[in-house]
Amino acid sequence: MAWLLLAVAGLLEVGWAIGLKYTEGFTRPWPTAATVAAMVASVGLLGVAMKTLPVGTAYAVWVGVGAVGTAALGMVLFQEPATVGRLVSLALIVAGIVGLKLAS
């Protein structure tokens, strides 16, 4: 159950990271409210998952899911470059996340 909560927390991290772009510096009320709600929920679920998962593993997986998801959506939503170097780097982060899961 903790791994599921951690995965949802990571997806919410992607949501708030992408949401920051839509807040336009926290000047748009609805995107700002949704972004703050995603932030609170993400950190809250991370905290619950850390009750049973090792702190280093949980935090690294949370950050990794957030980084990979945010970078991928940046490429899709904002036409950020999808260069070979970026894609290989994201694949390495995914490999690290899988490695941490397997080692836990």
PDB file of N, CA and C in Angstrom:
ATOM      1  N   MET A   1       0.818  -1.194   0.000  1.00  0.00           N
ATOM      2  CA  MET A   1       0.000   0.000   0.000  1.00  0.00           C
ATOM      3  C   MET A   1       0.871   1.271   0.000  1.00  0.00           C
ATOM      4  N   ALA A   2       1.993   1.237   0.722  1.00  0.00           N
ATOM      5  CA  ALA A   2       2.866   2.403   0.792  1.00  0.00           C
ATOM      6  C   ALA A   2       3.424   2.745  -0.581  1.00  0.00           C
ATOM      7  N   TRP A   3       3.737   1.734  -1.384  1.00  0.00           N
ATOM      8  CA  TRP A   3       4.266   1.997  -2.725  1.00  0.00           C
ATOM      9  C   TRP A   3       3.205   2.638  -3.612  1.00  0.00           C
ATOM     10  N   LEU A   4       1.964   2.225  -3.461  1.00  0.00           N
ATOM     11  CA  LEU A   4       0.878   2.835  -4.224  1.00  0.00           C
ATOM     12  C   LEU A   4       0.709   4.305  -3.824  1.00  0.00           C
ATOM     13  N   LEU A   5       0.714   4.566  -2.530  1.00  0.00           N
ATOM     14  CA  LEU A   5       0.615   5.948  -2.052  1.00  0.00           C
ATOM     15  C   LEU A   5       1.776   6.789  -2.562  1.00  0.00           C
ATOM     16  N   LEU A   6       2.963   6.194  -2.578  1.00  0.00           N
ATOM     17  CA  LEU A   6       4.137   6.903  -3.068  1.00  0.00           C
ATOM     18  C   LEU A   6       4.006   7.204  -4.560  1.00  0.00           C
ATOM     19  N   ALA A   7       3.480   6.271  -5.320  1.00  0.00           N
ATOM     20  CA  ALA A   7       3.278   6.500  -6.757  1.00  0.00           C
ATOM     21  C   ALA A   7       2.282   7.634  -6.988  1.00  0.00           C
ATOM     22  N   VAL A   8       1.196   7.636  -6.228  1.00  0.00           N
ATOM     23  CA  VAL A   8       0.204   8.711  -6.360  1.00  0.00           C
ATOM     24  C   VAL A   8       0.826  10.045  -5.944  1.00  0.00           C
ATOM     25  N   ALA A   9       1.620  10.029  -4.882  1.00  0.00           N
ATOM     26  CA  ALA A   9       2.305  11.251  -4.454  1.00  0.00           C
ATOM     27  C   ALA A   9       3.215  11.766  -5.557  1.00  0.00           C
ATOM     28  N   GLY A  10       3.910  10.877  -6.245  1.00  0.00           N
ATOM     29  CA  GLY A  10       4.779  11.270  -7.344  1.00  0.00           C
ATOM     30  C   GLY A  10       3.996  11.859  -8.507  1.00  0.00           C
ATOM     31  N   LEU A  11       2.845  11.260  -8.806  1.00  0.00           N
ATOM     32  CA  LEU A  11       2.007  11.805  -9.880  1.00  0.00           C
ATOM     33  C   LEU A  11       1.457  13.178  -9.510  1.00  0.00           C
ATOM     34  N   LEU A  12       1.104  13.348  -8.254  1.00  0.00           N
ATOM     35  CA  LEU A  12       0.653  14.667  -7.802  1.00  0.00           C
ATOM     36  C   LEU A  12       1.790  15.685  -7.864  1.00  0.00           C
ATOM     37  N   GLU A  13       3.011  15.220  -7.653  1.00  0.00           N
ATOM     38  CA  GLU A  13       4.153  16.125  -7.791  1.00  0.00           C
ATOM     39  C   GLU A  13       4.271  16.603  -9.235  1.00  0.00           C
ATOM     40  N   VAL A  14       4.057  15.706 -10.171  1.00  0.00           N
ATOM     41  CA  VAL A  14       4.049  16.100 -11.577  1.00  0.00           C
ATOM     42  C   VAL A  14       2.953  17.144 -11.800  1.00  0.00           C
ATOM     43  N   GLY A  15       1.790  16.890 -11.220  1.00  0.00           N
ATOM     44  CA  GLY A  15       0.667  17.819 -11.372  1.00  0.00           C
ATOM     45  C   GLY A  15       0.981  19.209 -10.865  1.00  0.00           C
ATOM     46  N   TRP A  16       1.599  19.287  -9.686  1.00  0.00           N
ATOM     47  CA  TRP A  16       1.868  20.638  -9.177  1.00  0.00           C
ATOM     48  C   TRP A  16       3.038  21.292  -9.895  1.00  0.00           C
ATOM     49  N   ALA A  17       3.994  20.506 -10.348  1.00  0.00           N
ATOM     50  CA  ALA A  17       5.110  21.103 -11.086  1.00  0.00           C
ATOM     51  C   ALA A  17       4.625  21.694 -12.410  1.00  0.00           C
ATOM     52  N   ILE A  18       3.789  20.949 -13.113  1.00  0.00           N
ATOM     53  CA  ILE A  18       3.215  21.465 -14.363  1.00  0.00           C
ATOM     54  C   ILE A  18       2.251  22.606 -14.044  1.00  0.00           C
ATOM     55  N   GLY A  19       1.513  22.467 -12.957  1.00  0.00           N
ATOM     56  CA  GLY A  19       0.575  23.512 -12.556  1.00  0.00           C
ATOM     57  C   GLY A  19       1.244  24.852 -12.316  1.00  0.00           C
ATOM     58  N   LEU A  20       2.487  24.824 -11.833  1.00  0.00           N
ATOM     59  CA  LEU A  20       3.208  26.076 -11.607  1.00  0.00           C
ATOM     60  C   LEU A  20       3.288  26.910 -12.881  1.00  0.00           C
ATOM     61  N   LYS A  21       3.460  26.252 -13.999  1.00  0.00           N
ATOM     62  CA  LYS A  21       3.540  26.961 -15.281  1.00  0.00           C
ATOM     63  C   LYS A  21       2.227  27.695 -15.564  1.00  0.00           C
ATOM     64  N   TYR A  22       1.110  27.035 -15.242  1.00  0.00           N
ATOM     65  CA  TYR A  22      -0.200  27.605 -15.535  1.00  0.00           C
ATOM     66  C   TYR A  22      -0.633  28.681 -14.534  1.00  0.00           C
ATOM     67  N   THR A  23       0.035  28.769 -13.392  1.00  0.00           N
ATOM     68  CA  THR A  23      -0.336  29.805 -12.421  1.00  0.00           C
ATOM     69  C   THR A  23       0.139  31.181 -12.856  1.00  0.00           C
ATOM     70  N   GLU A  24       1.095  31.205 -13.787  1.00  0.00           N
ATOM     71  CA  GLU A  24       1.697  32.459 -14.251  1.00  0.00           C
ATOM     72  C   GLU A  24       2.158  33.311 -13.067  1.00  0.00           C
ATOM     73  N   GLY A  25       3.022  32.704 -12.263  1.00  0.00           N
ATOM     74  CA  GLY A  25       3.572  33.404 -11.100  1.00  0.00           C
ATOM     75  C   GLY A  25       2.556  33.585  -9.986  1.00  0.00           C
ATOM     76  N   PHE A  26       1.663  32.649  -9.858  1.00  0.00           N
ATOM     77  CA  PHE A  26       0.598  32.669  -8.836  1.00  0.00           C
ATOM     78  C   PHE A  26      -0.343  33.859  -9.010  1.00  0.00           C
ATOM     79  N   THR A  27      -0.539  34.283 -10.262  1.00  0.00           N
ATOM     80  CA  THR A  27      -1.458  35.389 -10.534  1.00  0.00           C
ATOM     81  C   THR A  27      -2.827  34.913 -11.006  1.00  0.00           C
ATOM     82  N   ARG A  28      -2.952  33.634 -11.320  1.00  0.00           N
ATOM     83  CA  ARG A  28      -4.241  33.081 -11.762  1.00  0.00           C
ATOM     84  C   ARG A  28      -4.806  32.241 -10.628  1.00  0.00           C
ATOM     85  N   PRO A  29      -5.965  32.638 -10.077  1.00  0.00           N
ATOM     86  CA  PRO A  29      -6.485  31.999  -8.856  1.00  0.00           C
ATOM     87  C   PRO A  29      -6.781  30.504  -8.973  1.00  0.00           C
ATOM     88  N   TRP A  30      -7.479  30.063 -10.014  1.00  0.00           N
ATOM     89  CA  TRP A  30      -7.855  28.642 -10.089  1.00  0.00           C
ATOM     90  C   TRP A  30      -6.656  27.731 -10.311  1.00  0.00           C
ATOM     91  N   PRO A  31      -5.779  28.033 -11.249  1.00  0.00           N
ATOM     92  CA  PRO A  31      -4.586  27.189 -11.364  1.00  0.00           C
ATOM     93  C   PRO A  31      -3.726  27.220 -10.097  1.00  0.00           C
ATOM     94  N   THR A  32      -3.689  28.374  -9.433  1.00  0.00           N
ATOM     95  CA  THR A  32      -2.924  28.470  -8.190  1.00  0.00           C
ATOM     96  C   THR A  32      -3.531  27.578  -7.120  1.00  0.00           C
ATOM     97  N   ALA A  33      -4.854  27.607  -6.971  1.00  0.00           N
ATOM     98  CA  ALA A  33      -5.520  26.772  -5.966  1.00  0.00           C
ATOM     99  C   ALA A  33      -5.295  25.286  -6.248  1.00  0.00           C
ATOM    100  N   ALA A  34      -5.418  24.891  -7.510  1.00  0.00           N
ATOM    101  CA  ALA A  34      -5.210  23.484  -7.868  1.00  0.00           C
ATOM    102  C   ALA A  34      -3.755  23.067  -7.625  1.00  0.00           C
ATOM    103  N   THR A  35      -2.831  23.959  -7.932  1.00  0.00           N
ATOM    104  CA  THR A  35      -1.413  23.659  -7.733  1.00  0.00           C
ATOM    105  C   THR A  35      -1.099  23.501  -6.252  1.00  0.00           C
ATOM    106  N   VAL A  36      -1.592  24.398  -5.434  1.00  0.00           N
ATOM    107  CA  VAL A  36      -1.347  24.311  -3.983  1.00  0.00           C
ATOM    108  C   VAL A  36      -1.988  23.051  -3.405  1.00  0.00           C
ATOM    109  N   ALA A  37      -3.190  22.712  -3.865  1.00  0.00           N
ATOM    110  CA  ALA A  37      -3.848  21.489  -3.389  1.00  0.00           C
ATOM    111  C   ALA A  37      -3.024  20.257  -3.763  1.00  0.00           C
ATOM    112  N   ALA A  38      -2.499  20.231  -4.987  1.00  0.00           N
ATOM    113  CA  ALA A  38      -1.670  19.097  -5.410  1.00  0.00           C
ATOM    114  C   ALA A  38      -0.386  19.031  -4.589  1.00  0.00           C
ATOM    115  N   MET A  39       0.189  20.195  -4.261  1.00  0.00           N
ATOM    116  CA  MET A  39       1.401  20.225  -3.430  1.00  0.00           C
ATOM    117  C   MET A  39       1.133  19.603  -2.061  1.00  0.00           C
ATOM    118  N   VAL A  40       0.064  20.053  -1.437  1.00  0.00           N
ATOM    119  CA  VAL A  40      -0.267  19.565  -0.090  1.00  0.00           C
ATOM    120  C   VAL A  40      -0.547  18.066  -0.117  1.00  0.00           C
ATOM    121  N   ALA A  41      -1.342  17.625  -1.090  1.00  0.00           N
ATOM    122  CA  ALA A  41      -1.670  16.200  -1.184  1.00  0.00           C
ATOM    123  C   ALA A  41      -0.427  15.364  -1.475  1.00  0.00           C
ATOM    124  N   SER A  42       0.436  15.860  -2.346  1.00  0.00           N
ATOM    125  CA  SER A  42       1.645  15.125  -2.702  1.00  0.00           C
ATOM    126  C   SER A  42       2.553  14.924  -1.499  1.00  0.00           C
ATOM    127  N   VAL A  43       2.817  16.000  -0.787  1.00  0.00           N
ATOM    128  CA  VAL A  43       3.693  15.899   0.383  1.00  0.00           C
ATOM    129  C   VAL A  43       3.022  15.085   1.486  1.00  0.00           C
ATOM    130  N   GLY A  44       1.714  15.233   1.624  1.00  0.00           N
ATOM    131  CA  GLY A  44       0.993  14.451   2.630  1.00  0.00           C
ATOM    132  C   GLY A  44       1.089  12.955   2.374  1.00  0.00           C
ATOM    133  N   LEU A  45       0.872  12.557   1.118  1.00  0.00           N
ATOM    134  CA  LEU A  45       0.976  11.132   0.782  1.00  0.00           C
ATOM    135  C   LEU A  45       2.405  10.631   0.905  1.00  0.00           C
ATOM    136  N   LEU A  46       3.363  11.469   0.563  1.00  0.00           N
ATOM    137  CA  LEU A  46       4.768  11.095   0.763  1.00  0.00           C
ATOM    138  C   LEU A  46       5.022  10.814   2.241  1.00  0.00           C
ATOM    139  N   GLY A  47       4.515  11.669   3.103  1.00  0.00           N
ATOM    140  CA  GLY A  47       4.693  11.474   4.542  1.00  0.00           C
ATOM    141  C   GLY A  47       4.077  10.179   5.034  1.00  0.00           C
ATOM    142  N   VAL A  48       2.894   9.856   4.536  1.00  0.00           N
ATOM    143  CA  VAL A  48       2.237   8.605   4.937  1.00  0.00           C
ATOM    144  C   VAL A  48       3.041   7.409   4.442  1.00  0.00           C
ATOM    145  N   ALA A  49       3.518   7.480   3.200  1.00  0.00           N
ATOM    146  CA  ALA A  49       4.310   6.374   2.648  1.00  0.00           C
ATOM    147  C   ALA A  49       5.597   6.171   3.439  1.00  0.00           C
ATOM    148  N   MET A  50       6.162   7.264   3.966  1.00  0.00           N
ATOM    149  CA  MET A  50       7.411   7.168   4.718  1.00  0.00           C
ATOM    150  C   MET A  50       7.235   6.517   6.089  1.00  0.00           C
ATOM    151  N   LYS A  51       6.012   6.291   6.496  1.00  0.00           N
ATOM    152  CA  LYS A  51       5.807   5.566   7.753  1.00  0.00           C
ATOM    153  C   LYS A  51       6.384   4.159   7.660  1.00  0.00           C
ATOM    154  N   THR A  52       6.323   3.573   6.456  1.00  0.00           N
ATOM    155  CA  THR A  52       6.788   2.183   6.319  1.00  0.00           C
ATOM    156  C   THR A  52       7.963   2.031   5.353  1.00  0.00           C
ATOM    157  N   LEU A  53       8.170   2.986   4.474  1.00  0.00           N
ATOM    158  CA  LEU A  53       9.281   2.893   3.520  1.00  0.00           C
ATOM    159  C   LEU A  53      10.493   3.645   4.061  1.00  0.00           C
ATOM    160  N   PRO A  54      11.688   3.227   3.682  1.00  0.00           N
ATOM    161  CA  PRO A  54      12.883   3.964   4.086  1.00  0.00           C
ATOM    162  C   PRO A  54      12.847   5.385   3.519  1.00  0.00           C
ATOM    163  N   VAL A  55      13.249   6.347   4.326  1.00  0.00           N
ATOM    164  CA  VAL A  55      13.155   7.751   3.925  1.00  0.00           C
ATOM    165  C   VAL A  55      13.938   8.043   2.651  1.00  0.00           C
ATOM    166  N   GLY A  56      15.131   7.526   2.532  1.00  0.00           N
ATOM    167  CA  GLY A  56      15.947   7.782   1.349  1.00  0.00           C
ATOM    168  C   GLY A  56      15.322   7.221   0.086  1.00  0.00           C
ATOM    169  N   THR A  57      14.807   6.020   0.188  1.00  0.00           N
ATOM    170  CA  THR A  57      14.166   5.382  -0.957  1.00  0.00           C
ATOM    171  C   THR A  57      12.898   6.120  -1.342  1.00  0.00           C
ATOM    172  N   ALA A  58      12.048   6.394  -0.363  1.00  0.00           N
ATOM    173  CA  ALA A  58      10.771   7.058  -0.640  1.00  0.00           C
ATOM    174  C   ALA A  58      10.990   8.424  -1.272  1.00  0.00           C
ATOM    175  N   TYR A  59      11.886   9.193  -0.705  1.00  0.00           N
ATOM    176  CA  TYR A  59      12.118  10.537  -1.232  1.00  0.00           C
ATOM    177  C   TYR A  59      12.713  10.488  -2.631  1.00  0.00           C
ATOM    178  N   ALA A  60      13.662   9.596  -2.848  1.00  0.00           N
ATOM    179  CA  ALA A  60      14.288   9.486  -4.171  1.00  0.00           C
ATOM    180  C   ALA A  60      13.277   9.046  -5.228  1.00  0.00           C
ATOM    181  N   VAL A  61      12.416   8.108  -4.890  1.00  0.00           N
ATOM    182  CA  VAL A  61      11.399   7.660  -5.842  1.00  0.00           C
ATOM    183  C   VAL A  61      10.414   8.791  -6.120  1.00  0.00           C
ATOM    184  N   TRP A  62       9.995   9.502  -5.084  1.00  0.00           N
ATOM    185  CA  TRP A  62       9.058  10.621  -5.237  1.00  0.00           C
ATOM    186  C   TRP A  62       9.638  11.687  -6.170  1.00  0.00           C
ATOM    187  N   VAL A  63      10.870  12.068  -5.911  1.00  0.00           N
ATOM    188  CA  VAL A  63      11.530  13.075  -6.744  1.00  0.00           C
ATOM    189  C   VAL A  63      11.724  12.539  -8.166  1.00  0.00           C
ATOM    190  N   GLY A  64      12.114  11.283  -8.291  1.00  0.00           N
ATOM    191  CA  GLY A  64      12.343  10.703  -9.609  1.00  0.00           C
ATOM    192  C   GLY A  64      11.085  10.646 -10.454  1.00  0.00           C
ATOM    193  N   VAL A  65       9.993  10.187  -9.850  1.00  0.00           N
ATOM    194  CA  VAL A  65       8.718  10.146 -10.571  1.00  0.00           C
ATOM    195  C   VAL A  65       8.331  11.562 -10.988  1.00  0.00           C
ATOM    196  N   GLY A  66       8.487  12.506 -10.078  1.00  0.00           N
ATOM    197  CA  GLY A  66       8.164  13.888 -10.396  1.00  0.00           C
ATOM    198  C   GLY A  66       9.030  14.450 -11.509  1.00  0.00           C
ATOM    199  N   ALA A  67      10.318  14.171 -11.457  1.00  0.00           N
ATOM    200  CA  ALA A  67      11.235  14.697 -12.466  1.00  0.00           C
ATOM    201  C   ALA A  67      10.959  14.104 -13.845  1.00  0.00           C
ATOM    202  N   VAL A  68      10.799  12.803 -13.903  1.00  0.00           N
ATOM    203  CA  VAL A  68      10.551  12.148 -15.187  1.00  0.00           C
ATOM    204  C   VAL A  68       9.207  12.585 -15.761  1.00  0.00           C
ATOM    205  N   GLY A  69       8.183  12.564 -14.932  1.00  0.00           N
ATOM    206  CA  GLY A  69       6.851  12.956 -15.407  1.00  0.00           C
ATOM    207  C   GLY A  69       6.798  14.400 -15.854  1.00  0.00           C
ATOM    208  N   THR A  70       7.431  15.284 -15.090  1.00  0.00           N
ATOM    209  CA  THR A  70       7.423  16.698 -15.439  1.00  0.00           C
ATOM    210  C   THR A  70       8.205  16.952 -16.720  1.00  0.00           C
ATOM    211  N   ALA A  71       9.353  16.330 -16.855  1.00  0.00           N
ATOM    212  CA  ALA A  71      10.147  16.503 -18.068  1.00  0.00           C
ATOM    213  C   ALA A  71       9.403  15.958 -19.291  1.00  0.00           C
ATOM    214  N   ALA A  72       8.773  14.801 -19.140  1.00  0.00           N
ATOM    215  CA  ALA A  72       8.029  14.214 -20.263  1.00  0.00           C
ATOM    216  C   ALA A  72       6.850  15.100 -20.661  1.00  0.00           C
ATOM    217  N   LEU A  73       6.103  15.579 -19.675  1.00  0.00           N
ATOM    218  CA  LEU A  73       4.981  16.459 -20.002  1.00  0.00           C
ATOM    219  C   LEU A  73       5.449  17.796 -20.560  1.00  0.00           C
ATOM    220  N   GLY A  74       6.603  18.261 -20.106  1.00  0.00           N
ATOM    221  CA  GLY A  74       7.156  19.482 -20.682  1.00  0.00           C
ATOM    222  C   GLY A  74       7.420  19.320 -22.170  1.00  0.00           C
ATOM    223  N   MET A  75       7.876  18.141 -22.545  1.00  0.00           N
ATOM    224  CA  MET A  75       8.118  17.874 -23.962  1.00  0.00           C
ATOM    225  C   MET A  75       6.804  17.836 -24.747  1.00  0.00           C
ATOM    226  N   VAL A  76       5.783  17.260 -24.133  1.00  0.00           N
ATOM    227  CA  VAL A  76       4.494  17.110 -24.816  1.00  0.00           C
ATOM    228  C   VAL A  76       3.699  18.417 -24.815  1.00  0.00           C
ATOM    229  N   LEU A  77       3.584  19.037 -23.657  1.00  0.00           N
ATOM    230  CA  LEU A  77       2.709  20.209 -23.528  1.00  0.00           C
ATOM    231  C   LEU A  77       3.355  21.516 -23.974  1.00  0.00           C
ATOM    232  N   PHE A  78       4.654  21.639 -23.752  1.00  0.00           N
ATOM    233  CA  PHE A  78       5.320  22.918 -23.984  1.00  0.00           C
ATOM    234  C   PHE A  78       6.383  22.845 -25.074  1.00  0.00           C
ATOM    235  N   GLN A  79       6.376  21.757 -25.830  1.00  0.00           N
ATOM    236  CA  GLN A  79       7.300  21.566 -26.944  1.00  0.00           C
ATOM    237  C   GLN A  79       8.767  21.755 -26.534  1.00  0.00           C
ATOM    238  N   GLU A  80       9.097  21.318 -25.325  1.00  0.00           N
ATOM    239  CA  GLU A  80      10.493  21.322 -24.909  1.00  0.00           C
ATOM    240  C   GLU A  80      11.236  20.265 -25.721  1.00  0.00           C
ATOM    241  N   PRO A  81      12.509  20.451 -25.968  1.00  0.00           N
ATOM    242  CA  PRO A  81      13.229  19.517 -26.842  1.00  0.00           C
ATOM    243  C   PRO A  81      13.311  18.100 -26.252  1.00  0.00           C
ATOM    244  N   ALA A  82      13.103  17.130 -27.124  1.00  0.00           N
ATOM    245  CA  ALA A  82      13.209  15.720 -26.742  1.00  0.00           C
ATOM    246  C   ALA A  82      14.469  15.156 -27.384  1.00  0.00           C
ATOM    247  N   THR A  83      15.599  15.662 -26.944  1.00  0.00           N
ATOM    248  CA  THR A  83      16.870  15.227 -27.526  1.00  0.00           C
ATOM    249  C   THR A  83      17.250  13.848 -26.994  1.00  0.00           C
ATOM    250  N   VAL A  84      18.149  13.213 -27.683  1.00  0.00           N
ATOM    251  CA  VAL A  84      18.622  11.893 -27.258  1.00  0.00           C
ATOM    252  C   VAL A  84      19.204  11.976 -25.850  1.00  0.00           C
ATOM    253  N   GLY A  85      19.981  12.994 -25.591  1.00  0.00           N
ATOM    254  CA  GLY A  85      20.586  13.147 -24.267  1.00  0.00           C
ATOM    255  C   GLY A  85      19.544  13.264 -23.159  1.00  0.00           C
ATOM    256  N   ARG A  86      18.496  14.025 -23.410  1.00  0.00           N
ATOM    257  CA  ARG A  86      17.433  14.167 -22.407  1.00  0.00           C
ATOM    258  C   ARG A  86      16.699  12.843 -22.193  1.00  0.00           C
ATOM    259  N   LEU A  87      16.391  12.162 -23.287  1.00  0.00           N
ATOM    260  CA  LEU A  87      15.660  10.893 -23.176  1.00  0.00           C
ATOM    261  C   LEU A  87      16.493   9.826 -22.474  1.00  0.00           C
ATOM    262  N   VAL A  88      17.771   9.769 -22.775  1.00  0.00           N
ATOM    263  CA  VAL A  88      18.655   8.815 -22.095  1.00  0.00           C
ATOM    264  C   VAL A  88      18.737   9.156 -20.607  1.00  0.00           C
ATOM    265  N   SER A  89      18.833  10.430 -20.299  1.00  0.00           N
ATOM    266  CA  SER A  89      18.893  10.848 -18.896  1.00  0.00           C
ATOM    267  C   SER A  89      17.623  10.463 -18.149  1.00  0.00           C
ATOM    268  N   LEU A  90      16.475  10.648 -18.780  1.00  0.00           N
ATOM    269  CA  LEU A  90      15.212  10.247 -18.150  1.00  0.00           C
ATOM    270  C   LEU A  90      15.153   8.734 -17.968  1.00  0.00           C
ATOM    271  N   ALA A  91      15.659   7.998 -18.956  1.00  0.00           N
ATOM    272  CA  ALA A  91      15.691   6.537 -18.829  1.00  0.00           C
ATOM    273  C   ALA A  91      16.575   6.110 -17.659  1.00  0.00           C
ATOM    274  N   LEU A  92      17.661   6.814 -17.438  1.00  0.00           N
ATOM    275  CA  LEU A  92      18.529   6.500 -16.303  1.00  0.00           C
ATOM    276  C   LEU A  92      17.823   6.773 -14.970  1.00  0.00           C
ATOM    277  N   ILE A  93      17.037   7.836 -14.924  1.00  0.00           N
ATOM    278  CA  ILE A  93      16.267   8.107 -13.699  1.00  0.00           C
ATOM    279  C   ILE A  93      15.265   6.986 -13.458  1.00  0.00           C
ATOM    280  N   VAL A  94      14.575   6.556 -14.511  1.00  0.00           N
ATOM    281  CA  VAL A  94      13.620   5.449 -14.382  1.00  0.00           C
ATOM    282  C   VAL A  94      14.343   4.194 -13.908  1.00  0.00           C
ATOM    283  N   ALA A  95      15.508   3.911 -14.460  1.00  0.00           N
ATOM    284  CA  ALA A  95      16.284   2.751 -14.025  1.00  0.00           C
ATOM    285  C   ALA A  95      16.638   2.851 -12.547  1.00  0.00           C
ATOM    286  N   GLY A  96      16.961   4.050 -12.091  1.00  0.00           N
ATOM    287  CA  GLY A  96      17.258   4.254 -10.671  1.00  0.00           C
ATOM    288  C   GLY A  96      16.042   4.015  -9.795  1.00  0.00           C
ATOM    289  N   ILE A  97      14.883   4.471 -10.256  1.00  0.00           N
ATOM    290  CA  ILE A  97      13.643   4.257  -9.497  1.00  0.00           C
ATOM    291  C   ILE A  97      13.350   2.761  -9.390  1.00  0.00           C
ATOM    292  N   VAL A  98      13.466   2.062 -10.509  1.00  0.00           N
ATOM    293  CA  VAL A  98      13.226   0.605 -10.502  1.00  0.00           C
ATOM    294  C   VAL A  98      14.236  -0.079  -9.595  1.00  0.00           C
ATOM    295  N   GLY A  99      15.485   0.341  -9.671  1.00  0.00           N
ATOM    296  CA  GLY A  99      16.514  -0.247  -8.807  1.00  0.00           C
ATOM    297  C   GLY A  99      16.223  -0.035  -7.331  1.00  0.00           C
ATOM    298  N   LEU A 100      15.776   1.148  -6.967  1.00  0.00           N
ATOM    299  CA  LEU A 100      15.439   1.402  -5.561  1.00  0.00           C
ATOM    300  C   LEU A 100      14.261   0.541  -5.123  1.00  0.00           C
ATOM    301  N   LYS A 101      13.276   0.382  -5.996  1.00  0.00           N
ATOM    302  CA  LYS A 101      12.118  -0.469  -5.654  1.00  0.00           C
ATOM    303  C   LYS A 101      12.556  -1.911  -5.461  1.00  0.00           C
ATOM    304  N   LEU A 102      13.394  -2.391  -6.360  1.00  0.00           N
ATOM    305  CA  LEU A 102      13.838  -3.791  -6.265  1.00  0.00           C
ATOM    306  C   LEU A 102      14.737  -4.030  -5.055  1.00  0.00           C
ATOM    307  N   ALA A 103      15.469  -3.008  -4.651  1.00  0.00           N
ATOM    308  CA  ALA A 103      16.394  -3.158  -3.533  1.00  0.00           C
ATOM    309  C   ALA A 103      15.708  -2.973  -2.182  1.00  0.00           C
ATOM    310  N   SER A 104      14.447  -2.552  -2.193  1.00  0.00           N
ATOM    311  CA  SER A 104      13.752  -2.296  -0.908  1.00  0.00           C
ATOM    312  C   SER A 104      12.996  -3.510  -0.418  1.00  0.00           C
TER     313      SER A 104
END
